[in-house]
Amino acid sequence: MKKTTYMDDLRTQSEAQLSETLVEAKKELFNLRFQNATNQLENTGRIREVRKNIARIQTVMTQKAKLNA
């Protein structure tokens, strides 16, 4: 998914949905790290992608919090 499309999708989500998306992304990152440690992960670039997605989610959450304050 392109970055701009992903960011637009995040901006339209509510704070509760963003929190849920963040939890799912962190679980995915944990699983990817576990697979990488046991040499079962084929696409190691996915770890970097998920880390960046987590940062994007947190950025949108911060922006929404500042708008509401």
PDB file of N, CA and C in Angstrom:
ATOM      1  N   MET A   1       0.842  -1.170   0.000  1.00  0.00           N
ATOM      2  CA  MET A   1       0.000   0.000   0.000  1.00  0.00           C
ATOM      3  C   MET A   1       0.893   1.242   0.000  1.00  0.00           C
ATOM      4  N   LYS A   2       0.528   2.209  -0.825  1.00  0.00           N
ATOM      5  CA  LYS A   2       1.331   3.420  -0.885  1.00  0.00           C
ATOM      6  C   LYS A   2       1.204   4.200   0.416  1.00  0.00           C
ATOM      7  N   LYS A   3       2.262   4.940   0.714  1.00  0.00           N
ATOM      8  CA  LYS A   3       2.318   5.672   1.977  1.00  0.00           C
ATOM      9  C   LYS A   3       1.197   6.703   2.080  1.00  0.00           C
ATOM     10  N   THR A   4       0.947   7.466   1.012  1.00  0.00           N
ATOM     11  CA  THR A   4      -0.065   8.514   1.087  1.00  0.00           C
ATOM     12  C   THR A   4      -1.461   7.927   1.272  1.00  0.00           C
ATOM     13  N   THR A   5      -1.744   6.820   0.624  1.00  0.00           N
ATOM     14  CA  THR A   5      -3.043   6.169   0.785  1.00  0.00           C
ATOM     15  C   THR A   5      -3.197   5.647   2.204  1.00  0.00           C
ATOM     16  N   TYR A   6      -2.138   5.068   2.738  1.00  0.00           N
ATOM     17  CA  TYR A   6      -2.170   4.542   4.099  1.00  0.00           C
ATOM     18  C   TYR A   6      -2.383   5.679   5.102  1.00  0.00           C
ATOM     19  N   MET A   7      -1.695   6.795   4.898  1.00  0.00           N
ATOM     20  CA  MET A   7      -1.844   7.932   5.807  1.00  0.00           C
ATOM     21  C   MET A   7      -3.259   8.509   5.720  1.00  0.00           C
ATOM     22  N   ASP A   8      -3.822   8.589   4.522  1.00  0.00           N
ATOM     23  CA  ASP A   8      -5.195   9.078   4.382  1.00  0.00           C
ATOM     24  C   ASP A   8      -6.177   8.169   5.111  1.00  0.00           C
ATOM     25  N   ASP A   9      -5.952   6.865   5.009  1.00  0.00           N
ATOM     26  CA  ASP A   9      -6.804   5.913   5.727  1.00  0.00           C
ATOM     27  C   ASP A   9      -6.688   6.108   7.235  1.00  0.00           C
ATOM     28  N   LEU A  10      -5.468   6.333   7.712  1.00  0.00           N
ATOM     29  CA  LEU A  10      -5.272   6.540   9.152  1.00  0.00           C
ATOM     30  C   LEU A  10      -5.953   7.812   9.625  1.00  0.00           C
ATOM     31  N   ARG A  11      -5.870   8.866   8.830  1.00  0.00           N
ATOM     32  CA  ARG A  11      -6.458  10.145   9.237  1.00  0.00           C
ATOM     33  C   ARG A  11      -7.975  10.087   9.331  1.00  0.00           C
ATOM     34  N   THR A  12      -8.597   9.174   8.590  1.00  0.00           N
ATOM     35  CA  THR A  12     -10.059   9.079   8.635  1.00  0.00           C
ATOM     36  C   THR A  12     -10.542   8.204   9.789  1.00  0.00           C
ATOM     37  N   GLN A  13      -9.641   7.472  10.433  1.00  0.00           N
ATOM     38  CA  GLN A  13     -10.037   6.590  11.531  1.00  0.00           C
ATOM     39  C   GLN A  13     -10.228   7.389  12.820  1.00  0.00           C
ATOM     40  N   SER A  14     -11.082   6.863  13.690  1.00  0.00           N
ATOM     41  CA  SER A  14     -11.278   7.484  14.998  1.00  0.00           C
ATOM     42  C   SER A  14     -10.101   7.107  15.909  1.00  0.00           C
ATOM     43  N   GLU A  15     -10.053   7.728  17.069  1.00  0.00           N
ATOM     44  CA  GLU A  15      -8.959   7.450  18.002  1.00  0.00           C
ATOM     45  C   GLU A  15      -9.006   6.003  18.490  1.00  0.00           C
ATOM     46  N   ALA A  16     -10.194   5.473  18.694  1.00  0.00           N
ATOM     47  CA  ALA A  16     -10.327   4.081  19.132  1.00  0.00           C
ATOM     48  C   ALA A  16      -9.829   3.125  18.054  1.00  0.00           C
ATOM     49  N   GLN A  17     -10.169   3.420  16.812  1.00  0.00           N
ATOM     50  CA  GLN A  17      -9.712   2.578  15.707  1.00  0.00           C
ATOM     51  C   GLN A  17      -8.191   2.667  15.552  1.00  0.00           C
ATOM     52  N   LEU A  18      -7.642   3.861  15.753  1.00  0.00           N
ATOM     53  CA  LEU A  18      -6.194   4.017  15.674  1.00  0.00           C
ATOM     54  C   LEU A  18      -5.497   3.214  16.758  1.00  0.00           C
ATOM     55  N   SER A  19      -6.059   3.220  17.953  1.00  0.00           N
ATOM     56  CA  SER A  19      -5.476   2.446  19.044  1.00  0.00           C
ATOM     57  C   SER A  19      -5.496   0.962  18.723  1.00  0.00           C
ATOM     58  N   GLU A  20      -6.597   0.503  18.148  1.00  0.00           N
ATOM     59  CA  GLU A  20      -6.712  -0.906  17.786  1.00  0.00           C
ATOM     60  C   GLU A  20      -5.721  -1.266  16.670  1.00  0.00           C
ATOM     61  N   THR A  21      -5.581  -0.378  15.705  1.00  0.00           N
ATOM     62  CA  THR A  21      -4.622  -0.596  14.616  1.00  0.00           C
ATOM     63  C   THR A  21      -3.203  -0.643  15.150  1.00  0.00           C
ATOM     64  N   LEU A  22      -2.907   0.217  16.128  1.00  0.00           N
ATOM     65  CA  LEU A  22      -1.577   0.248  16.736  1.00  0.00           C
ATOM     66  C   LEU A  22      -1.274  -1.057  17.458  1.00  0.00           C
ATOM     67  N   VAL A  23      -2.243  -1.568  18.200  1.00  0.00           N
ATOM     68  CA  VAL A  23      -2.052  -2.832  18.914  1.00  0.00           C
ATOM     69  C   VAL A  23      -1.801  -3.971  17.930  1.00  0.00           C
ATOM     70  N   GLU A  24      -2.577  -3.999  16.849  1.00  0.00           N
ATOM     71  CA  GLU A  24      -2.394  -5.042  15.833  1.00  0.00           C
ATOM     72  C   GLU A  24      -1.011  -4.953  15.196  1.00  0.00           C
ATOM     73  N   ALA A  25      -0.556  -3.735  14.911  1.00  0.00           N
ATOM     74  CA  ALA A  25       0.757  -3.556  14.291  1.00  0.00           C
ATOM     75  C   ALA A  25       1.872  -3.989  15.239  1.00  0.00           C
ATOM     76  N   LYS A  26       1.720  -3.689  16.523  1.00  0.00           N
ATOM     77  CA  LYS A  26       2.739  -4.104  17.490  1.00  0.00           C
ATOM     78  C   LYS A  26       2.777  -5.615  17.645  1.00  0.00           C
ATOM     79  N   LYS A  27       1.613  -6.261  17.581  1.00  0.00           N
ATOM     80  CA  LYS A  27       1.575  -7.726  17.636  1.00  0.00           C
ATOM     81  C   LYS A  27       2.255  -8.321  16.413  1.00  0.00           C
ATOM     82  N   GLU A  28       1.993  -7.714  15.251  1.00  0.00           N
ATOM     83  CA  GLU A  28       2.620  -8.197  14.028  1.00  0.00           C
ATOM     84  C   GLU A  28       4.135  -8.044  14.097  1.00  0.00           C
ATOM     85  N   LEU A  29       4.597  -6.917  14.629  1.00  0.00           N
ATOM     86  CA  LEU A  29       6.037  -6.692  14.768  1.00  0.00           C
ATOM     87  C   LEU A  29       6.664  -7.723  15.702  1.00  0.00           C
ATOM     88  N   PHE A  30       5.971  -8.022  16.802  1.00  0.00           N
ATOM     89  CA  PHE A  30       6.476  -9.038  17.721  1.00  0.00           C
ATOM     90  C   PHE A  30       6.617 -10.382  17.018  1.00  0.00           C
ATOM     91  N   ASN A  31       5.583 -10.760  16.274  1.00  0.00           N
ATOM     92  CA  ASN A  31       5.612 -12.040  15.562  1.00  0.00           C
ATOM     93  C   ASN A  31       6.713 -12.068  14.513  1.00  0.00           C
ATOM     94  N   LEU A  32       6.904 -10.954  13.810  1.00  0.00           N
ATOM     95  CA  LEU A  32       7.967 -10.895  12.808  1.00  0.00           C
ATOM     96  C   LEU A  32       9.342 -11.024  13.444  1.00  0.00           C
ATOM     97  N   ARG A  33       9.527 -10.358  14.569  1.00  0.00           N
ATOM     98  CA  ARG A  33      10.813 -10.460  15.267  1.00  0.00           C
ATOM     99  C   ARG A  33      11.060 -11.886  15.755  1.00  0.00           C
ATOM    100  N   PHE A  34      10.012 -12.524  16.228  1.00  0.00           N
ATOM    101  CA  PHE A  34      10.140 -13.905  16.696  1.00  0.00           C
ATOM    102  C   PHE A  34      10.507 -14.824  15.540  1.00  0.00           C
ATOM    103  N   GLN A  35       9.838 -14.652  14.399  1.00  0.00           N
ATOM    104  CA  GLN A  35      10.154 -15.457  13.223  1.00  0.00           C
ATOM    105  C   GLN A  35      11.573 -15.200  12.745  1.00  0.00           C
ATOM    106  N   ASN A  36      12.011 -13.958  12.821  1.00  0.00           N
ATOM    107  CA  ASN A  36      13.366 -13.615  12.389  1.00  0.00           C
ATOM    108  C   ASN A  36      14.398 -14.276  13.298  1.00  0.00           C
ATOM    109  N   ALA A  37      14.120 -14.315  14.586  1.00  0.00           N
ATOM    110  CA  ALA A  37      15.063 -14.911  15.536  1.00  0.00           C
ATOM    111  C   ALA A  37      15.181 -16.418  15.336  1.00  0.00           C
ATOM    112  N   THR A  38      14.114 -17.040  14.871  1.00  0.00           N
ATOM    113  CA  THR A  38      14.141 -18.486  14.662  1.00  0.00           C
ATOM    114  C   THR A  38      14.425 -18.843  13.201  1.00  0.00           C
ATOM    115  N   ASN A  39      14.859 -17.872  12.423  1.00  0.00           N
ATOM    116  CA  ASN A  39      15.208 -18.055  11.003  1.00  0.00           C
ATOM    117  C   ASN A  39      14.049 -18.584  10.167  1.00  0.00           C
ATOM    118  N   GLN A  40      12.841 -18.171  10.470  1.00  0.00           N
ATOM    119  CA  GLN A  40      11.676 -18.587   9.697  1.00  0.00           C
ATOM    120  C   GLN A  40      11.148 -17.463   8.808  1.00  0.00           C
ATOM    121  N   LEU A  41      11.696 -16.275   8.951  1.00  0.00           N
ATOM    122  CA  LEU A  41      11.203 -15.116   8.218  1.00  0.00           C
ATOM    123  C   LEU A  41      11.912 -15.008   6.876  1.00  0.00           C
ATOM    124  N   GLU A  42      11.116 -14.964   5.802  1.00  0.00           N
ATOM    125  CA  GLU A  42      11.697 -14.860   4.465  1.00  0.00           C
ATOM    126  C   GLU A  42      11.868 -13.411   4.033  1.00  0.00           C
ATOM    127  N   ASN A  43      10.888 -12.564   4.343  1.00  0.00           N
ATOM    128  CA  ASN A  43      10.937 -11.171   3.931  1.00  0.00           C
ATOM    129  C   ASN A  43      11.288 -10.290   5.137  1.00  0.00           C
ATOM    130  N   THR A  44      12.572 -10.062   5.346  1.00  0.00           N
ATOM    131  CA  THR A  44      13.005  -9.285   6.509  1.00  0.00           C
ATOM    132  C   THR A  44      12.672  -7.805   6.363  1.00  0.00           C
ATOM    133  N   GLY A  45      12.406  -7.344   5.165  1.00  0.00           N
ATOM    134  CA  GLY A  45      12.038  -5.950   4.950  1.00  0.00           C
ATOM    135  C   GLY A  45      10.698  -5.602   5.557  1.00  0.00           C
ATOM    136  N   ARG A  46       9.897  -6.609   5.814  1.00  0.00           N
ATOM    137  CA  ARG A  46       8.577  -6.379   6.410  1.00  0.00           C
ATOM    138  C   ARG A  46       8.707  -5.806   7.821  1.00  0.00           C
ATOM    139  N   ILE A  47       9.777  -6.167   8.541  1.00  0.00           N
ATOM    140  CA  ILE A  47       9.990  -5.630   9.890  1.00  0.00           C
ATOM    141  C   ILE A  47      10.113  -4.114   9.823  1.00  0.00           C
ATOM    142  N   ARG A  48      10.908  -3.637   8.894  1.00  0.00           N
ATOM    143  CA  ARG A  48      11.113  -2.189   8.749  1.00  0.00           C
ATOM    144  C   ARG A  48       9.805  -1.501   8.364  1.00  0.00           C
ATOM    145  N   GLU A  49       9.061  -2.121   7.468  1.00  0.00           N
ATOM    146  CA  GLU A  49       7.792  -1.550   7.017  1.00  0.00           C
ATOM    147  C   GLU A  49       6.802  -1.424   8.177  1.00  0.00           C
ATOM    148  N   VAL A  50       6.713  -2.453   9.006  1.00  0.00           N
ATOM    149  CA  VAL A  50       5.786  -2.427  10.136  1.00  0.00           C
ATOM    150  C   VAL A  50       6.227  -1.390  11.168  1.00  0.00           C
ATOM    151  N   ARG A  51       7.532  -1.283  11.395  1.00  0.00           N
ATOM    152  CA  ARG A  51       8.035  -0.262  12.331  1.00  0.00           C
ATOM    153  C   ARG A  51       7.658   1.138  11.860  1.00  0.00           C
ATOM    154  N   LYS A  52       7.776   1.382  10.573  1.00  0.00           N
ATOM    155  CA  LYS A  52       7.411   2.696  10.035  1.00  0.00           C
ATOM    156  C   LYS A  52       5.907   2.928  10.119  1.00  0.00           C
ATOM    157  N   ASN A  53       5.126   1.874   9.908  1.00  0.00           N
ATOM    158  CA  ASN A  53       3.673   2.008  10.036  1.00  0.00           C
ATOM    159  C   ASN A  53       3.275   2.340  11.470  1.00  0.00           C
ATOM    160  N   ILE A  54       3.965   1.747  12.441  1.00  0.00           N
ATOM    161  CA  ILE A  54       3.703   2.062  13.850  1.00  0.00           C
ATOM    162  C   ILE A  54       3.985   3.535  14.109  1.00  0.00           C
ATOM    163  N   ALA A  55       5.083   4.032  13.578  1.00  0.00           N
ATOM    164  CA  ALA A  55       5.423   5.441  13.749  1.00  0.00           C
ATOM    165  C   ALA A  55       4.377   6.333  13.090  1.00  0.00           C
ATOM    166  N   ARG A  56       3.879   5.935  11.934  1.00  0.00           N
ATOM    167  CA  ARG A  56       2.845   6.719  11.250  1.00  0.00           C
ATOM    168  C   ARG A  56       1.562   6.767  12.072  1.00  0.00           C
ATOM    169  N   ILE A  57       1.186   5.634  12.637  1.00  0.00           N
ATOM    170  CA  ILE A  57      -0.022   5.582  13.463  1.00  0.00           C
ATOM    171  C   ILE A  57       0.137   6.495  14.672  1.00  0.00           C
ATOM    172  N   GLN A  58       1.288   6.423  15.319  1.00  0.00           N
ATOM    173  CA  GLN A  58       1.529   7.261  16.495  1.00  0.00           C
ATOM    174  C   GLN A  58       1.542   8.739  16.122  1.00  0.00           C
ATOM    175  N   THR A  59       2.049   9.076  14.951  1.00  0.00           N
ATOM    176  CA  THR A  59       2.059  10.457  14.494  1.00  0.00           C
ATOM    177  C   THR A  59       0.646  10.979  14.314  1.00  0.00           C
ATOM    178  N   VAL A  60      -0.211  10.196  13.680  1.00  0.00           N
ATOM    179  CA  VAL A  60      -1.599  10.616  13.472  1.00  0.00           C
ATOM    180  C   VAL A  60      -2.316  10.752  14.812  1.00  0.00           C
ATOM    181  N   MET A  61      -2.037   9.840  15.738  1.00  0.00           N
ATOM    182  CA  MET A  61      -2.662   9.928  17.068  1.00  0.00           C
ATOM    183  C   MET A  61      -2.235  11.209  17.772  1.00  0.00           C
ATOM    184  N   THR A  62      -0.968  11.573  17.667  1.00  0.00           N
ATOM    185  CA  THR A  62      -0.467  12.799  18.282  1.00  0.00           C
ATOM    186  C   THR A  62      -1.102  14.025  17.642  1.00  0.00           C
ATOM    187  N   GLN A  63      -1.218  14.024  16.319  1.00  0.00           N
ATOM    188  CA  GLN A  63      -1.841  15.149  15.624  1.00  0.00           C
ATOM    189  C   GLN A  63      -3.288  15.323  16.053  1.00  0.00           C
ATOM    190  N   LYS A  64      -4.021  14.231  16.165  1.00  0.00           N
ATOM    191  CA  LYS A  64      -5.420  14.318  16.596  1.00  0.00           C
ATOM    192  C   LYS A  64      -5.528  14.804  18.041  1.00  0.00           C
ATOM    193  N   ALA A  65      -4.595  14.369  18.881  1.00  0.00           N
ATOM    194  CA  ALA A  65      -4.632  14.809  20.282  1.00  0.00           C
ATOM    195  C   ALA A  65      -4.368  16.307  20.392  1.00  0.00           C
ATOM    196  N   LYS A  66      -3.470  16.814  19.565  1.00  0.00           N
ATOM    197  CA  LYS A  66      -3.177  18.258  19.598  1.00  0.00           C
ATOM    198  C   LYS A  66      -4.340  19.080  19.066  1.00  0.00           C
ATOM    199  N   LEU A  67      -5.059  18.548  18.093  1.00  0.00           N
ATOM    200  CA  LEU A  67      -6.225  19.265  17.555  1.00  0.00           C
ATOM    201  C   LEU A  67      -7.349  19.329  18.579  1.00  0.00           C
ATOM    202  N   ASN A  68      -7.496  18.279  19.377  1.00  0.00           N
ATOM    203  CA  ASN A  68      -8.575  18.225  20.363  1.00  0.00           C
ATOM    204  C   ASN A  68      -8.241  18.990  21.637  1.00  0.00           C
ATOM    205  N   ALA A  69      -6.979  19.320  21.841  1.00  0.00           N
ATOM    206  CA  ALA A  69      -6.586  20.000  23.084  1.00  0.00           C
ATOM    207  C   ALA A  69      -6.840  21.488  23.020  1.00  0.00           C
TER     208      ALA A  69
END
